[in-house]
């Protein structure tokens, strides 16, 4: 089955780490070989994906990469199981890798002050039309940056704001 031969990392993992497939080449794998795979093999594969060697280079995968590869492998097994090529699907017994939210990186007070000071004074070295444009937009730019830094809203949220969205009566 062509799909199985396309997953080189999985084939290499099985050849390197599973004694059943130690003498295999990637071209020798058959669908019937998948019947011998257990959930523990899939879990070991997910661990292997964090850092492995491929074609003389070190490959690393973060949480999202591991989750994508597991999803692909799980879909492959699900297809084979639904079409009765295999009698068991070991991926159903493996927990889907968790993807943790990225940490929010915030500027400290000094960095915020430096940024706002720079925006306020960066026009000093400008000349001609650039200086005129800077003077025209400085107050707006400072207001936008102060809003973004002070509230933590996203740029897309800021762009979508209308004057009616601000409650001046209740601040």
Protein backbone atom coordinates (compact mmCIF):
# COMPACT_ATOMS: atom_id res chain seq x y z
CA UNK A 1 0.00 0.00 0.00
CA UNK A 2 1.57 3.25 -1.16
CA UNK A 3 0.37 5.35 1.77
CA UNK A 4 2.38 3.26 4.21
CA UNK A 5 5.57 3.69 2.20
CA UNK A 6 5.11 7.47 2.19
CA UNK A 7 5.52 7.73 5.98
CA UNK A 8 9.29 7.46 6.03
CA UNK A 9 9.78 8.61 9.64
CA UNK A 10 7.34 5.98 10.92
CA UNK A 11 8.93 3.23 8.81
CA UNK A 12 12.42 4.21 9.96
CA UNK A 13 11.27 4.24 13.57
CA UNK A 14 9.85 0.72 13.25
CA UNK A 15 13.00 -0.56 11.56
CA UNK A 16 15.31 1.03 14.15
CA UNK A 17 13.29 0.34 17.30
CA UNK A 18 11.01 -2.64 16.81
CA UNK A 19 12.76 -6.04 16.79
CA UNK A 20 10.03 -7.51 14.55
CA UNK A 21 11.02 -5.15 11.73
CA UNK A 22 14.78 -4.98 12.35
CA UNK A 23 15.68 -6.63 9.01
CA UNK A 24 13.07 -4.75 6.93
CA UNK A 25 13.56 -2.05 4.36
CA UNK A 26 10.88 0.59 3.86
CA UNK A 27 9.77 -1.09 0.63
CA UNK A 28 9.14 -4.43 2.39
CA UNK A 29 6.35 -3.26 4.68
CA UNK A 30 2.93 -4.77 4.03
CA UNK A 31 -0.44 -3.85 5.48
CA UNK A 32 -0.47 -7.16 7.33
CA UNK A 33 2.62 -5.99 9.24
CA UNK A 34 0.50 -3.28 10.85
CA UNK A 35 -1.44 -5.98 12.71
CA UNK A 36 1.64 -6.48 14.87
CA UNK A 37 1.79 -2.87 16.04
CA UNK A 38 0.58 -2.16 19.58
CA UNK A 39 -0.41 1.09 21.28
CA UNK A 40 2.93 1.13 23.13
CA UNK A 41 4.71 1.19 19.75
CA UNK A 42 2.72 4.29 18.75
CA UNK A 43 3.54 5.97 22.09
CA UNK A 44 7.24 5.21 21.59
CA UNK A 45 6.99 6.66 18.08
CA UNK A 46 5.56 9.91 19.47
CA UNK A 47 8.49 10.11 21.88
CA UNK A 48 10.91 9.34 19.03
CA UNK A 49 9.48 12.23 17.00
CA UNK A 50 10.76 14.81 19.49
CA UNK A 51 14.33 14.36 18.20
CA UNK A 52 15.49 11.88 15.58
CA UNK A 53 18.11 11.59 12.87
CA UNK A 54 17.06 11.60 9.22
CA UNK A 55 19.49 11.57 6.31
CA UNK A 56 22.45 12.73 8.42
CA UNK A 57 20.57 15.63 10.00
CA UNK A 58 18.88 16.01 13.35
CA UNK A 59 15.11 16.56 13.12
CA UNK A 60 13.15 18.04 16.00
CA UNK A 61 9.40 18.42 16.38
CA UNK A 62 7.54 20.65 18.80
CA UNK A 63 4.13 19.78 20.22
CA UNK A 64 2.28 20.93 17.10
CA UNK A 65 4.50 18.89 14.77
CA UNK A 66 4.09 15.75 16.86
CA UNK A 67 0.32 16.28 17.00
CA UNK A 68 0.19 16.67 13.19
CA UNK A 69 2.20 13.49 12.63
CA UNK A 70 0.04 11.57 15.10
CA UNK A 71 -3.10 12.85 13.38
CA UNK A 72 -1.78 11.67 10.03
CA UNK A 73 -0.87 8.25 11.41
CA UNK A 74 -4.21 7.97 13.19
CA UNK A 75 -6.09 8.83 9.98
CA UNK A 76 -4.05 6.21 8.12
CA UNK A 77 -4.91 3.51 10.66
CA UNK A 78 -8.57 4.62 10.75
CA UNK A 79 -8.77 4.30 6.96
CA UNK A 80 -7.25 0.83 7.02
CA UNK A 81 -9.55 -0.28 9.83
CA UNK A 82 -12.73 1.09 8.20
CA UNK A 83 -11.90 -0.61 4.91
CA UNK A 84 -11.10 -3.87 6.72
CA UNK A 85 -7.44 -4.05 5.76
CA UNK A 86 -6.60 -4.45 9.46
CA UNK A 87 -8.64 -5.87 12.37
CA UNK A 88 -7.45 -3.50 15.10
CA UNK A 89 -6.53 0.16 15.31
CA UNK A 90 -3.87 0.75 17.99
CA UNK A 91 -4.07 4.55 17.69
CA UNK A 92 -7.46 4.61 19.46
CA UNK A 93 -5.68 3.52 22.65
CA UNK A 94 -3.12 6.34 22.48
CA UNK A 95 -3.90 9.75 23.95
CA UNK A 96 -3.75 12.56 21.44
CA UNK A 97 -0.69 14.74 22.15
CA UNK A 98 -1.61 17.88 24.05
CA UNK A 99 -0.78 21.25 22.59
CA UNK A 100 -0.06 23.82 25.26
CA UNK A 101 -0.83 27.46 24.70
CA UNK A 102 2.13 29.65 23.92
CA UNK A 103 3.30 31.78 26.80
CA UNK A 104 2.29 35.40 26.52
CA UNK A 105 5.38 37.56 26.28
CA UNK A 106 4.82 40.96 27.83
CA UNK A 107 6.99 44.03 27.82
CA UNK A 108 8.04 45.21 31.25
CA UNK A 109 7.33 48.77 32.38
CA UNK A 110 10.73 50.07 31.31
CA UNK A 111 10.39 48.56 27.82
CA UNK A 112 6.92 50.12 27.42
CA UNK A 113 8.28 53.50 28.49
CA UNK A 114 11.22 53.23 26.06
CA UNK A 115 8.92 52.30 23.18
CA UNK A 116 6.51 55.17 23.82
CA UNK A 117 9.41 57.63 24.28
CA UNK A 118 10.88 56.48 20.98
CA UNK A 119 7.59 56.98 19.13
CA UNK A 120 7.29 60.44 20.69
CA UNK A 121 10.78 61.54 19.70
CA UNK A 122 11.76 59.51 16.63
CA UNK A 123 10.74 62.34 14.30
CA UNK A 124 13.59 64.57 15.49
CA UNK A 125 15.96 63.16 12.87
CA UNK A 126 13.39 63.27 10.03
CA UNK A 127 13.30 66.00 7.39
CA UNK A 128 10.91 67.29 4.76
CA UNK A 129 7.76 65.36 3.92
CA UNK A 130 8.64 62.52 6.32
CA UNK A 131 8.69 64.96 9.25
CA UNK A 132 5.36 66.48 8.20
CA UNK A 133 3.78 62.99 8.03
CA UNK A 134 5.30 62.04 11.39
CA UNK A 135 3.93 65.20 13.06
CA UNK A 136 0.50 64.51 11.56
CA UNK A 137 0.32 60.88 12.80
CA UNK A 138 2.29 61.03 16.07
CA UNK A 139 -0.73 61.51 18.37
CA UNK A 140 -2.66 58.74 16.61
CA UNK A 141 0.30 56.35 16.76
CA UNK A 142 0.85 57.02 20.45
CA UNK A 143 -2.86 56.50 21.14
CA UNK A 144 -2.87 53.17 19.28
CA UNK A 145 0.29 51.92 21.00
CA UNK A 146 -0.98 53.03 24.42
CA UNK A 147 -4.26 51.19 23.78
CA UNK A 148 -2.49 48.01 22.63
CA UNK A 149 0.03 48.02 25.47
CA UNK A 150 -2.44 49.10 28.14
CA UNK A 151 -5.24 46.66 27.37
CA UNK A 152 -3.50 43.72 25.73
CA UNK A 153 -5.93 43.60 22.81
CA UNK A 154 -4.76 42.16 19.53
CA UNK A 155 -3.99 44.34 16.52
CA UNK A 156 -6.95 42.83 14.65
CA UNK A 157 -9.23 43.72 17.56
CA UNK A 158 -7.86 47.27 17.58
CA UNK A 159 -8.48 47.62 13.84
CA UNK A 160 -12.08 46.50 14.31
CA UNK A 161 -12.86 49.08 17.02
CA UNK A 162 -15.37 51.82 16.31
CA UNK A 163 -15.95 54.97 18.32
CA UNK A 164 -19.31 53.48 19.43
CA UNK A 165 -17.41 50.59 21.05
CA UNK A 166 -15.92 52.94 23.65
CA UNK A 167 -18.08 53.81 26.67
CA UNK A 168 -16.79 57.24 27.61
CA UNK A 169 -19.47 57.69 30.29
CA UNK A 170 -18.29 54.69 32.36
CA UNK A 171 -14.66 54.72 31.14
